[in-house]
Amino acid sequence: MSLLKDRYDKTYEYKGIEFYLSDYSPNTEECRLVILKVIEQTSRDYLSLYNSKTSALQYTWETARDFIFSDRYYINWGNQIVSPTHLLQLVDIDIEWLRRKMRERFSQIERKNNG
């Protein structure tokens, strides 16, 4: 842990840009906002990247799908391994509600594309 602590409160230079790295812990509301943005982007990826032409975009869609629908999907959030269900609980969103809404929206998009 000492190595990580030693990197703070110092000035660094990267590609000609100088910056100061301070020790910072986000507050609860900042964390909630980040979680909401992750959920928002995941939902967009799931709804828009289905049948993507490149393997990278298809992988992004599969990751979004698993984040939303798999009970075995986990992510490293800070120093914890958590499930999307846990993250959604932190922002008062029920995973089953999100799954239902994503299924509904996906079906609407599929009908529009095939109809």
C-alpha atoms as a PDB file:
ATOM      1  CA  MET A   1       0.000   0.000   0.000  1.00  0.00           C
ATOM      2  CA  SER A   2       2.946   2.295   0.633  1.00  0.00           C
ATOM      3  CA  LEU A   3       3.787   2.361  -3.089  1.00  0.00           C
ATOM      4  CA  LEU A   4       0.329   3.672  -3.934  1.00  0.00           C
ATOM      5  CA  LYS A   5       0.472   6.274  -1.199  1.00  0.00           C
ATOM      6  CA  ASP A   6       3.879   7.488  -2.391  1.00  0.00           C
ATOM      7  CA  ARG A   7       2.484   8.423  -5.788  1.00  0.00           C
ATOM      8  CA  TYR A   8       0.183  11.156  -4.460  1.00  0.00           C
ATOM      9  CA  ASP A   9       0.952  14.800  -3.751  1.00  0.00           C
ATOM     10  CA  LYS A  10       3.498  14.967  -6.547  1.00  0.00           C
ATOM     11  CA  THR A  11       3.783  16.688  -9.907  1.00  0.00           C
ATOM     12  CA  TYR A  12       4.081  14.450 -12.985  1.00  0.00           C
ATOM     13  CA  GLU A  13       4.556  15.009 -16.679  1.00  0.00           C
ATOM     14  CA  TYR A  14       2.922  12.938 -19.408  1.00  0.00           C
ATOM     15  CA  LYS A  15       3.357  13.673 -23.111  1.00  0.00           C
ATOM     16  CA  GLY A  16       4.376  17.241 -22.402  1.00  0.00           C
ATOM     17  CA  ILE A  17       1.498  17.923 -19.995  1.00  0.00           C
ATOM     18  CA  GLU A  18       2.327  18.589 -16.375  1.00  0.00           C
ATOM     19  CA  PHE A  19      -0.189  17.648 -13.700  1.00  0.00           C
ATOM     20  CA  TYR A  20      -0.416  17.333  -9.933  1.00  0.00           C
ATOM     21  CA  LEU A  21      -1.769  14.069  -8.497  1.00  0.00           C
ATOM     22  CA  SER A  22      -3.448  14.446  -5.121  1.00  0.00           C
ATOM     23  CA  ASP A  23      -5.038  11.826  -2.931  1.00  0.00           C
ATOM     24  CA  TYR A  24      -8.785  12.101  -3.472  1.00  0.00           C
ATOM     25  CA  SER A  25     -11.788  10.054  -2.447  1.00  0.00           C
ATOM     26  CA  PRO A  26     -15.076  10.881  -4.175  1.00  0.00           C
ATOM     27  CA  ASN A  27     -18.113  11.597  -2.054  1.00  0.00           C
ATOM     28  CA  THR A  28     -21.275   9.495  -2.065  1.00  0.00           C
ATOM     29  CA  GLU A  29     -23.138  11.633  -4.614  1.00  0.00           C
ATOM     30  CA  GLU A  30     -20.207  11.568  -7.045  1.00  0.00           C
ATOM     31  CA  CYS A  31     -20.139   7.775  -6.783  1.00  0.00           C
ATOM     32  CA  ARG A  32     -23.896   7.574  -7.389  1.00  0.00           C
ATOM     33  CA  LEU A  33     -23.494   9.737 -10.488  1.00  0.00           C
ATOM     34  CA  VAL A  34     -20.745   7.495 -11.856  1.00  0.00           C
ATOM     35  CA  ILE A  35     -22.866   4.391 -11.253  1.00  0.00           C
ATOM     36  CA  LEU A  36     -25.846   6.002 -13.010  1.00  0.00           C
ATOM     37  CA  LYS A  37     -23.624   6.914 -15.986  1.00  0.00           C
ATOM     38  CA  VAL A  38     -22.344   3.327 -16.179  1.00  0.00           C
ATOM     39  CA  ILE A  39     -25.940   2.045 -16.219  1.00  0.00           C
ATOM     40  CA  GLU A  40     -26.936   4.628 -18.821  1.00  0.00           C
ATOM     41  CA  GLN A  41     -24.065   3.738 -21.166  1.00  0.00           C
ATOM     42  CA  THR A  42     -24.631   0.028 -20.675  1.00  0.00           C
ATOM     43  CA  SER A  43     -28.293   0.464 -21.629  1.00  0.00           C
ATOM     44  CA  ARG A  44     -27.347   2.440 -24.739  1.00  0.00           C
ATOM     45  CA  ASP A  45     -24.787  -0.163 -25.774  1.00  0.00           C
ATOM     46  CA  TYR A  46     -27.268  -2.980 -25.298  1.00  0.00           C
ATOM     47  CA  LEU A  47     -29.947  -1.270 -27.365  1.00  0.00           C
ATOM     48  CA  SER A  48     -27.759   0.090 -30.158  1.00  0.00           C
ATOM     49  CA  LEU A  49     -24.913  -2.372 -30.745  1.00  0.00           C
ATOM     50  CA  TYR A  50     -26.830  -5.594 -31.407  1.00  0.00           C
ATOM     51  CA  ASN A  51     -25.577  -7.223 -34.637  1.00  0.00           C
ATOM     52  CA  SER A  52     -22.608  -4.859 -34.851  1.00  0.00           C
ATOM     53  CA  LYS A  53     -20.309  -5.234 -37.803  1.00  0.00           C
ATOM     54  CA  THR A  54     -17.031  -5.353 -35.874  1.00  0.00           C
ATOM     55  CA  SER A  55     -15.996  -7.866 -33.252  1.00  0.00           C
ATOM     56  CA  ALA A  56     -15.070  -5.050 -30.828  1.00  0.00           C
ATOM     57  CA  LEU A  57     -18.566  -3.550 -30.993  1.00  0.00           C
ATOM     58  CA  GLN A  58     -20.159  -6.986 -30.782  1.00  0.00           C
ATOM     59  CA  TYR A  59     -18.062  -7.679 -27.673  1.00  0.00           C
ATOM     60  CA  THR A  60     -19.257  -4.370 -26.184  1.00  0.00           C
ATOM     61  CA  TRP A  61     -22.863  -5.432 -26.841  1.00  0.00           C
ATOM     62  CA  GLU A  62     -22.256  -8.836 -25.211  1.00  0.00           C
ATOM     63  CA  THR A  63     -20.703  -7.137 -22.185  1.00  0.00           C
ATOM     64  CA  ALA A  64     -23.711  -4.826 -21.875  1.00  0.00           C
ATOM     65  CA  ARG A  65     -26.086  -7.779 -22.256  1.00  0.00           C
ATOM     66  CA  ASP A  66     -24.287  -9.713 -19.532  1.00  0.00           C
ATOM     67  CA  PHE A  67     -24.157  -6.675 -17.226  1.00  0.00           C
ATOM     68  CA  ILE A  68     -27.925  -6.364 -17.483  1.00  0.00           C
ATOM     69  CA  PHE A  69     -29.072  -9.976 -17.659  1.00  0.00           C
ATOM     70  CA  SER A  70     -26.456 -12.315 -16.177  1.00  0.00           C
ATOM     71  CA  ASP A  71     -26.570 -13.133 -12.478  1.00  0.00           C
ATOM     72  CA  ARG A  72     -22.968 -14.357 -12.803  1.00  0.00           C
ATOM     73  CA  TYR A  73     -21.494 -11.103 -14.129  1.00  0.00           C
ATOM     74  CA  TYR A  74     -19.154  -9.279 -11.733  1.00  0.00           C
ATOM     75  CA  ILE A  75     -16.998  -6.196 -12.011  1.00  0.00           C
ATOM     76  CA  ASN A  76     -14.101  -4.803 -10.050  1.00  0.00           C
ATOM     77  CA  TRP A  77     -15.450  -1.614  -8.448  1.00  0.00           C
ATOM     78  CA  GLY A  78     -12.624   0.031  -6.548  1.00  0.00           C
ATOM     79  CA  ASN A  79     -11.287  -2.639  -4.252  1.00  0.00           C
ATOM     80  CA  GLN A  80     -14.424  -4.807  -4.372  1.00  0.00           C
ATOM     81  CA  ILE A  81     -15.855  -7.382  -6.724  1.00  0.00           C
ATOM     82  CA  VAL A  82     -19.548  -6.535  -7.100  1.00  0.00           C
ATOM     83  CA  SER A  83     -22.511  -7.575  -9.194  1.00  0.00           C
ATOM     84  CA  PRO A  84     -24.557  -5.143 -11.272  1.00  0.00           C
ATOM     85  CA  THR A  85     -27.450  -5.921  -8.931  1.00  0.00           C
ATOM     86  CA  HIS A  86     -25.425  -4.504  -6.050  1.00  0.00           C
ATOM     87  CA  LEU A  87     -24.494  -1.364  -8.007  1.00  0.00           C
ATOM     88  CA  LEU A  88     -28.104  -0.776  -9.003  1.00  0.00           C
ATOM     89  CA  GLN A  89     -29.232  -1.143  -5.395  1.00  0.00           C
ATOM     90  CA  LEU A  90     -26.829   1.671  -4.473  1.00  0.00           C
ATOM     91  CA  VAL A  91     -28.779   4.001  -6.771  1.00  0.00           C
ATOM     92  CA  ASP A  92     -32.232   2.611  -5.901  1.00  0.00           C
ATOM     93  CA  ILE A  93     -32.847   0.782  -9.182  1.00  0.00           C
ATOM     94  CA  ASP A  94     -34.315  -2.696  -9.145  1.00  0.00           C
ATOM     95  CA  ILE A  95     -32.442  -5.059 -11.487  1.00  0.00           C
ATOM     96  CA  GLU A  96     -35.662  -6.838 -12.491  1.00  0.00           C
ATOM     97  CA  TRP A  97     -37.233  -3.510 -13.456  1.00  0.00           C
ATOM     98  CA  LEU A  98     -34.192  -2.646 -15.595  1.00  0.00           C
ATOM     99  CA  ARG A  99     -34.250  -6.073 -17.245  1.00  0.00           C
ATOM    100  CA  ARG A 100     -37.951  -5.764 -18.035  1.00  0.00           C
ATOM    101  CA  LYS A 101     -37.483  -2.277 -19.495  1.00  0.00           C
ATOM    102  CA  MET A 102     -34.511  -3.395 -21.608  1.00  0.00           C
ATOM    103  CA  ARG A 103     -36.476  -6.375 -22.954  1.00  0.00           C
ATOM    104  CA  GLU A 104     -39.382  -4.084 -23.860  1.00  0.00           C
ATOM    105  CA  ARG A 105     -37.150  -1.520 -25.590  1.00  0.00           C
ATOM    106  CA  PHE A 106     -35.181  -4.227 -27.390  1.00  0.00           C
ATOM    107  CA  SER A 107     -38.410  -5.787 -28.677  1.00  0.00           C
ATOM    108  CA  GLN A 108     -39.618  -2.389 -29.913  1.00  0.00           C
ATOM    109  CA  ILE A 109     -36.368  -1.811 -31.769  1.00  0.00           C
ATOM    110  CA  GLU A 110     -36.428  -5.302 -33.275  1.00  0.00           C
ATOM    111  CA  ARG A 111     -40.031  -4.858 -34.469  1.00  0.00           C
ATOM    112  CA  LYS A 112     -39.129  -1.501 -35.997  1.00  0.00           C
ATOM    113  CA  ASN A 113     -36.079  -2.951 -37.757  1.00  0.00           C
ATOM    114  CA  ASN A 114     -37.949  -6.013 -39.037  1.00  0.00           C
ATOM    115  CA  GLY A 115     -41.272  -4.396 -39.744  1.00  0.00           C
END
